[in-house]
Amino acid sequence: MNEIHQIDSIRDRAELLALRSNPLLGVNRSIVYIYYLNNRKINYPIADSCILYIGEACRQSEPTGIRFSQHISTQRNIGGDMGNNLALSQYFHHGHSIGLKIFESDNRLERERDLIYSHINMFGSPPIAQSNVPSCPPNNSNRITEIFNHITNNPAEFEFCQNLISNVNTLIIPGQI
């Protein structure tokens, strides 16, 4: 997975709206992305992390970049559409410095799940703005057992994901904590 775009600090929603015109984020472009805090880390059960949200997108009928303007609401207490993320919106509208890293994906929808599971393994829970944690087969098993069995049974994938998450987790801007 190669990084294809980064915004160090989202200053306004217009930056996110502009991503729909980015040629690297066009129709049928499969991506994964990570929103993170620049100015602080969040106290998770195992260790602190700056990661707020991990997502994936691929649009067939419109630019994939359109997804980003849907995450952060137009105002703190007014959503723009059903895709708004409450926690991300609250961090943004309360003045926290939020960054965004976008990576090309290999059309594996499991990539988002594996990154979220890696965050759980490293920090003790999913990112704070993650409303849903994807499942993996078998969907009828104990969720905690399912997650950790999947991590154990796919060591190469999780080494890759943990390295990527570790790299993002070091993006705190010096002097901003």
Protein backbone atom coordinates (compact mmCIF):
# COMPACT_ATOMS: atom_id res chain seq x y z
CA MET A 1 0.00 0.00 0.00
CA ASN A 2 1.40 3.32 -1.02
CA GLU A 3 0.46 6.64 0.50
CA ILE A 4 -1.23 8.78 -2.14
CA HIS A 5 -2.27 11.87 -0.16
CA GLN A 6 -1.80 13.50 3.23
CA ILE A 7 -3.30 16.56 4.89
CA ASP A 8 -1.22 17.47 7.93
CA SER A 9 -3.91 19.59 9.54
CA ILE A 10 -7.45 19.94 8.20
CA ARG A 11 -8.25 23.63 8.52
CA ASP A 12 -11.77 23.57 7.07
CA ARG A 13 -14.21 21.26 5.31
CA ALA A 14 -13.28 22.84 1.96
CA GLU A 15 -10.04 20.83 2.03
CA LEU A 16 -12.08 17.65 2.31
CA LEU A 17 -14.54 18.78 -0.38
CA ALA A 18 -11.60 19.40 -2.74
CA LEU A 19 -10.55 15.75 -2.51
CA ARG A 20 -13.44 14.79 -4.81
CA SER A 21 -11.49 16.50 -7.62
CA ASN A 22 -8.18 14.83 -6.83
CA PRO A 23 -7.31 12.57 -9.82
CA LEU A 24 -5.75 10.00 -7.45
CA LEU A 25 -9.15 9.62 -5.77
CA GLY A 26 -11.32 9.14 -8.85
CA VAL A 27 -14.02 6.65 -9.79
CA ASN A 28 -13.20 3.01 -8.97
CA ARG A 29 -10.19 3.98 -6.84
CA SER A 30 -9.91 1.69 -3.83
CA ILE A 31 -8.37 3.36 -0.77
CA VAL A 32 -7.91 3.04 2.96
CA TYR A 33 -7.40 6.09 5.13
CA ILE A 34 -6.61 7.12 8.67
CA TYR A 35 -7.71 10.25 10.52
CA TYR A 36 -5.42 11.17 13.42
CA LEU A 37 -4.88 13.90 15.99
CA ASN A 38 -1.87 16.16 15.55
CA ASN A 39 -2.00 17.82 18.95
CA ARG A 40 -2.49 14.99 21.40
CA LYS A 41 -2.79 11.27 21.92
CA ILE A 42 -5.80 9.41 23.26
CA ASN A 43 -5.43 7.21 26.31
CA TYR A 44 -6.43 3.73 25.12
CA PRO A 45 -6.34 0.68 27.47
CA ILE A 46 -2.87 -0.60 26.46
CA ALA A 47 -1.07 2.48 25.11
CA ASP A 48 -1.76 5.98 23.80
CA SER A 49 -2.56 6.54 20.13
CA CYS A 50 -3.29 9.58 17.99
CA ILE A 51 -5.49 7.55 15.61
CA LEU A 52 -9.16 8.57 15.54
CA TYR A 53 -10.63 6.58 12.66
CA ILE A 54 -9.70 4.00 10.02
CA GLY A 55 -11.81 3.68 6.89
CA GLU A 56 -11.96 2.35 3.37
CA ALA A 57 -13.75 3.54 0.25
CA CYS A 58 -14.24 2.72 -3.39
CA ARG A 59 -16.93 4.45 -5.43
CA GLN A 60 -18.08 3.08 -8.77
CA SER A 61 -20.35 5.93 -9.91
CA GLU A 62 -18.63 9.00 -8.43
CA PRO A 63 -15.12 9.96 -7.36
CA THR A 64 -13.94 8.03 -4.31
CA GLY A 65 -12.64 11.34 -2.91
CA ILE A 66 -16.21 12.47 -2.29
CA ARG A 67 -16.24 10.27 0.82
CA PHE A 68 -14.11 12.67 2.88
CA SER A 69 -16.55 15.59 2.90
CA GLN A 70 -19.12 13.22 4.40
CA HIS A 71 -17.13 12.49 7.57
CA ILE A 72 -17.14 15.88 9.26
CA SER A 73 -20.47 17.62 9.81
CA THR A 74 -21.14 21.15 8.57
CA GLN A 75 -21.54 22.36 12.16
CA ARG A 76 -20.93 20.85 15.59
CA ASN A 77 -24.60 20.09 16.10
CA ILE A 78 -25.86 19.82 12.49
CA GLY A 79 -25.03 16.91 10.23
CA GLY A 80 -24.78 17.22 6.46
CA ASP A 81 -25.69 13.62 5.60
CA MET A 82 -25.92 10.11 7.02
CA GLY A 83 -22.18 9.57 6.57
CA ASN A 84 -21.18 12.12 9.23
CA ASN A 85 -19.02 10.78 12.03
CA LEU A 86 -20.02 12.27 15.39
CA ALA A 87 -16.66 11.84 17.15
CA LEU A 88 -14.60 13.16 14.20
CA SER A 89 -16.97 16.11 13.85
CA GLN A 90 -16.71 16.95 17.55
CA TYR A 91 -12.91 16.86 17.53
CA PHE A 92 -12.89 19.08 14.40
CA HIS A 93 -15.47 21.62 15.60
CA HIS A 94 -13.80 21.91 19.02
CA GLY A 95 -10.54 23.01 17.42
CA HIS A 96 -8.39 19.88 17.56
CA SER A 97 -5.82 19.58 14.80
CA ILE A 98 -6.82 16.55 12.70
CA GLY A 99 -4.65 14.99 9.99
CA LEU A 100 -5.55 12.54 7.24
CA LYS A 101 -3.42 9.94 5.46
CA ILE A 102 -4.78 8.18 2.37
CA PHE A 103 -3.32 4.98 0.95
CA GLU A 104 -4.06 3.15 -2.26
CA SER A 105 -5.56 -0.25 -1.58
CA ASP A 106 -5.39 -3.50 -3.46
CA ASN A 107 -9.19 -3.83 -3.56
CA ARG A 108 -9.09 -5.98 -0.45
CA LEU A 109 -11.93 -4.79 1.73
CA GLU A 110 -10.30 -6.77 4.52
CA ARG A 111 -7.55 -4.15 4.69
CA GLU A 112 -9.71 -1.79 6.78
CA ARG A 113 -10.69 -4.64 9.11
CA ASP A 114 -7.07 -5.75 9.54
CA LEU A 115 -5.94 -2.20 10.35
CA ILE A 116 -8.71 -1.84 12.94
CA TYR A 117 -7.84 -5.23 14.45
CA SER A 118 -4.19 -4.16 14.58
CA HIS A 119 -5.20 -1.02 16.47
CA ILE A 120 -7.14 -3.21 18.91
CA ASN A 121 -4.12 -5.49 19.36
CA MET A 122 -1.68 -2.60 19.87
CA PHE A 123 -3.78 -0.17 21.92
CA GLY A 124 -6.57 -2.27 23.46
CA SER A 125 -9.60 -0.96 21.57
CA PRO A 126 -10.71 0.30 18.17
CA PRO A 127 -10.05 3.96 17.34
CA ILE A 128 -12.35 6.26 19.33
CA ALA A 129 -14.34 7.41 16.28
CA GLN A 130 -14.82 3.87 14.94
CA SER A 131 -18.53 3.19 15.30
CA ASN A 132 -18.40 -0.28 13.72
CA VAL A 133 -15.75 -2.95 13.95
CA PRO A 134 -15.89 -5.24 10.90
CA SER A 135 -16.18 -8.93 11.59
CA CYS A 136 -14.52 -11.85 9.90
CA PRO A 137 -15.78 -15.39 9.39
CA PRO A 138 -17.17 -17.14 11.28
CA ASN A 139 -19.60 -14.37 12.24
CA ASN A 140 -21.33 -16.57 14.80
CA SER A 141 -18.35 -16.90 17.15
CA ASN A 142 -17.34 -14.92 20.21
CA ARG A 143 -16.25 -11.51 18.88
CA ILE A 144 -13.16 -11.13 21.06
CA THR A 145 -11.98 -14.65 20.28
CA GLU A 146 -12.68 -14.06 16.58
CA ILE A 147 -10.52 -10.91 16.49
CA PHE A 148 -7.52 -12.38 18.29
CA ASN A 149 -7.68 -15.70 16.44
CA HIS A 150 -7.66 -13.77 13.16
CA ILE A 151 -4.61 -11.78 14.28
CA THR A 152 -2.79 -14.98 15.36
CA ASN A 153 -3.63 -16.80 12.11
CA ASN A 154 -2.41 -13.98 9.81
CA PRO A 155 0.96 -12.87 11.21
CA ALA A 156 2.41 -11.40 8.00
CA GLU A 157 -0.66 -9.25 7.35
CA PHE A 158 -0.70 -7.98 10.91
CA GLU A 159 3.00 -7.19 10.95
CA PHE A 160 2.39 -5.00 7.88
CA CYS A 161 -0.67 -3.33 9.47
CA GLN A 162 1.05 -2.73 12.78
CA ASN A 163 4.01 -1.11 11.03
CA LEU A 164 1.68 1.21 9.13
CA ILE A 165 -0.22 2.13 12.30
CA SER A 166 3.04 2.68 14.21
CA ASN A 167 4.19 5.07 11.49
CA VAL A 168 0.95 7.06 11.65
CA ASN A 169 1.10 7.09 15.44
CA THR A 170 4.40 9.00 15.28
CA LEU A 171 2.89 11.92 13.32
CA ILE A 172 2.30 14.19 16.30
CA ILE A 173 3.59 17.63 15.35
CA PRO A 174 6.52 18.51 17.67
CA GLY A 175 5.51 21.03 20.30
CA GLN A 176 1.81 20.38 19.80
CA ILE A 177 1.16 17.99 22.70
